[in-house]
N, C-alpha and C. Protein backbone atom coordinates (compact mmCIF):
# COMPACT_ATOMS: atom_id res chain seq x y z
N MET A 1 4.41 10.97 3.09
CA MET A 1 4.56 10.06 1.60
C MET A 1 5.32 8.55 3.02
N ILE A 2 4.52 7.74 1.63
CA ILE A 2 4.91 6.00 2.59
C ILE A 2 5.32 6.01 1.11
N TYR A 3 6.22 4.77 1.00
CA TYR A 3 7.10 3.71 0.58
C TYR A 3 5.89 1.92 -0.09
N LEU A 4 5.89 2.33 -0.49
CA LEU A 4 5.15 1.25 -0.75
C LEU A 4 5.58 0.48 -2.13
N ASP A 5 6.10 -0.56 -1.76
CA ASP A 5 6.88 -1.24 -3.04
C ASP A 5 8.31 -0.43 -2.82
N ASP A 6 7.76 -0.77 -4.37
CA ASP A 6 9.43 0.63 -4.54
C ASP A 6 9.17 1.76 -5.10
N ARG A 7 7.12 2.51 -4.83
CA ARG A 7 7.37 3.83 -5.30
C ARG A 7 6.89 4.60 -4.01
N GLU A 8 6.17 5.73 -4.19
CA GLU A 8 5.59 6.34 -3.18
C GLU A 8 4.68 6.74 -3.13
N ILE A 9 3.96 7.47 -2.55
CA ILE A 9 2.21 7.49 -2.60
C ILE A 9 2.22 8.31 -1.31
N PRO A 10 1.38 9.08 -1.53
CA PRO A 10 0.76 9.94 -0.62
C PRO A 10 0.15 9.86 0.39
N TRP A 11 0.86 10.05 1.36
CA TRP A 11 -0.13 9.50 3.18
C TRP A 11 -0.63 10.70 3.37
N GLN A 12 -1.48 10.27 4.54
CA GLN A 12 -3.20 11.14 4.62
C GLN A 12 -3.65 10.70 6.46
N GLU A 13 -3.06 11.90 6.89
CA GLU A 13 -4.42 11.29 8.68
C GLU A 13 -4.96 10.41 8.51
N GLY A 14 -4.98 9.53 9.80
CA GLY A 14 -6.04 8.79 9.72
C GLY A 14 -5.71 6.82 8.50
N LEU A 15 -4.31 7.58 8.19
CA LEU A 15 -4.41 5.78 7.03
C LEU A 15 -4.25 4.75 7.71
N THR A 16 -5.08 3.66 7.34
CA THR A 16 -4.89 2.36 7.48
C THR A 16 -4.41 1.78 6.47
N VAL A 17 -4.15 0.57 6.33
CA VAL A 17 -4.08 -0.45 5.89
C VAL A 17 -4.70 -0.97 5.10
N ALA A 18 -5.78 -1.15 5.69
CA ALA A 18 -7.07 -1.36 4.62
C ALA A 18 -7.59 -0.12 3.62
N ALA A 19 -7.47 1.28 3.82
CA ALA A 19 -7.54 2.38 3.34
C ALA A 19 -6.45 2.57 2.31
N MET A 20 -5.11 2.24 2.69
CA MET A 20 -4.43 1.88 0.92
C MET A 20 -4.37 1.02 0.57
N LEU A 21 -5.05 -0.21 0.27
CA LEU A 21 -5.28 -1.46 -0.63
C LEU A 21 -6.62 -0.80 -1.04
N ALA A 22 -7.21 -0.40 -0.22
CA ALA A 22 -8.82 -0.23 -1.11
C ALA A 22 -8.21 1.07 -1.85
N GLY A 23 -7.37 1.98 -2.10
CA GLY A 23 -7.04 2.41 -3.32
C GLY A 23 -5.91 2.67 -4.11
N LEU A 24 -5.51 0.67 -4.13
CA LEU A 24 -5.12 0.13 -5.20
C LEU A 24 -5.90 0.11 -6.14
N ALA A 25 -5.73 0.04 -7.45
CA ALA A 25 -6.53 -0.70 -8.77
C ALA A 25 -6.09 -2.22 -9.35
N ASP A 26 -4.94 -2.99 -8.18
CA ASP A 26 -4.05 -3.91 -8.98
C ASP A 26 -5.22 -5.32 -8.54
N GLY A 27 -6.60 -5.28 -8.26
CA GLY A 27 -7.06 -6.43 -8.09
C GLY A 27 -6.46 -7.33 -6.85
N HIS A 28 -5.33 -7.10 -6.80
CA HIS A 28 -4.91 -8.50 -6.27
C HIS A 28 -5.49 -8.75 -4.57
N LEU A 29 -5.28 -9.27 -3.71
CA LEU A 29 -6.10 -10.34 -2.75
C LEU A 29 -4.67 -9.97 -1.58
N TYR A 30 -4.72 -9.26 -0.98
CA TYR A 30 -3.38 -9.96 0.05
C TYR A 30 -3.85 -10.04 1.64
N ALA A 31 -3.05 -11.12 2.20
CA ALA A 31 -3.69 -12.03 3.24
C ALA A 31 -2.06 -10.66 4.37
N VAL A 32 -1.87 -10.73 3.87
CA VAL A 32 -0.30 -10.25 4.87
C VAL A 32 -0.07 -9.07 3.95
N VAL A 33 0.31 -8.14 4.92
CA VAL A 33 1.52 -7.46 4.29
C VAL A 33 2.57 -6.77 6.07
N LYS A 34 3.72 -6.43 5.17
CA LYS A 34 4.81 -5.71 5.71
C LYS A 34 5.03 -4.21 6.33
N LEU A 35 4.79 -4.37 7.15
CA LEU A 35 4.93 -2.70 7.83
C LEU A 35 5.73 -2.61 8.40
N ASP A 36 6.59 -1.76 7.74
CA ASP A 36 8.00 -1.01 8.83
C ASP A 36 8.88 -2.62 8.95
N GLY A 37 8.48 -3.72 8.52
CA GLY A 37 9.29 -4.50 8.78
C GLY A 37 8.51 -5.83 9.55
N ARG A 38 7.63 -5.20 10.39
CA ARG A 38 6.52 -6.37 10.60
C ARG A 38 5.42 -7.03 10.12
N LEU A 39 4.81 -8.17 10.23
CA LEU A 39 3.64 -8.58 9.39
C LEU A 39 2.81 -7.80 9.73
N VAL A 40 1.92 -7.75 9.07
CA VAL A 40 0.18 -7.54 9.59
C VAL A 40 -0.87 -8.83 8.43
N SER A 41 -1.90 -9.15 9.17
CA SER A 41 -2.77 -10.11 8.90
C SER A 41 -4.12 -8.94 8.43
N ARG A 42 -4.76 -9.63 8.03
CA ARG A 42 -5.63 -9.30 7.03
C ARG A 42 -6.69 -9.16 8.04
N PRO A 43 -7.07 -9.44 9.44
CA PRO A 43 -7.50 -9.61 10.24
C PRO A 43 -7.34 -8.43 11.07
N HIS A 44 -6.48 -7.50 10.86
CA HIS A 44 -6.14 -6.27 10.89
C HIS A 44 -6.35 -5.41 10.52
N PHE A 45 -6.43 -5.08 9.59
CA PHE A 45 -5.69 -3.85 8.38
C PHE A 45 -6.46 -3.14 8.19
N SER A 46 -7.97 -3.56 9.29
CA SER A 46 -8.68 -2.46 9.51
C SER A 46 -7.82 -1.04 10.34
N THR A 47 -7.82 -1.57 11.41
CA THR A 47 -7.22 -1.10 12.89
C THR A 47 -5.44 -0.92 12.92
N THR A 48 -5.28 -1.10 11.48
CA THR A 48 -3.93 -0.83 11.87
C THR A 48 -3.14 0.54 10.97
N PRO A 49 -2.94 1.41 12.00
CA PRO A 49 -2.44 2.50 11.47
C PRO A 49 -0.97 2.62 10.26
N ILE A 50 -0.92 3.63 9.45
CA ILE A 50 0.46 3.86 8.51
C ILE A 50 1.08 5.37 9.16
N PRO A 51 1.95 5.09 9.56
CA PRO A 51 2.76 6.63 9.63
C PRO A 51 3.57 6.85 8.47
N ASP A 52 3.61 8.29 8.86
CA ASP A 52 4.06 8.82 7.67
C ASP A 52 5.75 8.72 8.01
N GLY A 53 6.15 8.31 6.21
CA GLY A 53 7.27 7.94 6.10
C GLY A 53 7.69 6.22 6.21
N ALA A 54 6.40 5.84 6.25
CA ALA A 54 6.62 3.84 6.62
C ALA A 54 6.57 3.20 5.40
N ARG A 55 7.88 2.30 5.48
CA ARG A 55 7.66 0.92 4.43
C ARG A 55 6.92 -0.24 5.00
N VAL A 56 6.04 0.12 3.12
CA VAL A 56 5.36 -0.65 3.27
C VAL A 56 5.37 -2.14 2.04
N ARG A 57 5.41 -3.30 2.42
CA ARG A 57 5.72 -4.77 1.74
C ARG A 57 4.39 -5.19 1.66
N LEU A 58 3.62 -5.10 0.14
CA LEU A 58 3.02 -6.39 -0.43
C LEU A 58 3.30 -7.92 -0.29
N ILE A 59 2.11 -8.99 -0.23
CA ILE A 59 2.70 -9.42 -0.03
C ILE A 59 1.43 -10.43 -0.50
N PRO A 60 1.68 -11.13 -1.78
CA PRO A 60 -0.14 -11.71 -2.51
C PRO A 60 0.08 -13.18 -2.06
N MET A 61 -1.59 -13.07 -1.85
CA MET A 61 -1.46 -14.32 -1.72
C MET A 61 -1.08 -15.37 -2.67
N ILE A 62 -0.81 -16.96 -2.89
CA ILE A 62 -0.64 -17.43 -3.61
C ILE A 62 -0.61 -18.86 -3.11
N ALA A 63 -1.54 -19.25 -4.39
CA ALA A 63 -2.01 -20.89 -4.70
C ALA A 63 -1.36 -22.03 -5.00
N GLY A 64 -1.04 -22.74 -4.51
CA GLY A 64 -0.06 -23.70 -5.10
C GLY A 64 -0.64 -25.31 -4.53
N GLY A 65 -0.06 -25.97 -5.60
CA GLY A 65 -0.47 -27.76 -5.23
C GLY A 65 0.48 -28.84 -6.08
């Protein structure tokens, strides 16, 4: 199990940040996620594994002006 924001989702061997995001149907773009307290940027999503029991926080892109 991993903890995504305030909910639990199933963990699977080889799960990456990119694969986890692809499985979400929220339609948001994320530039950065927080994985166990460290920031992971979009260029590293496909190569960053998520370990079992990890805590992930989604950080949506916000435009301003």
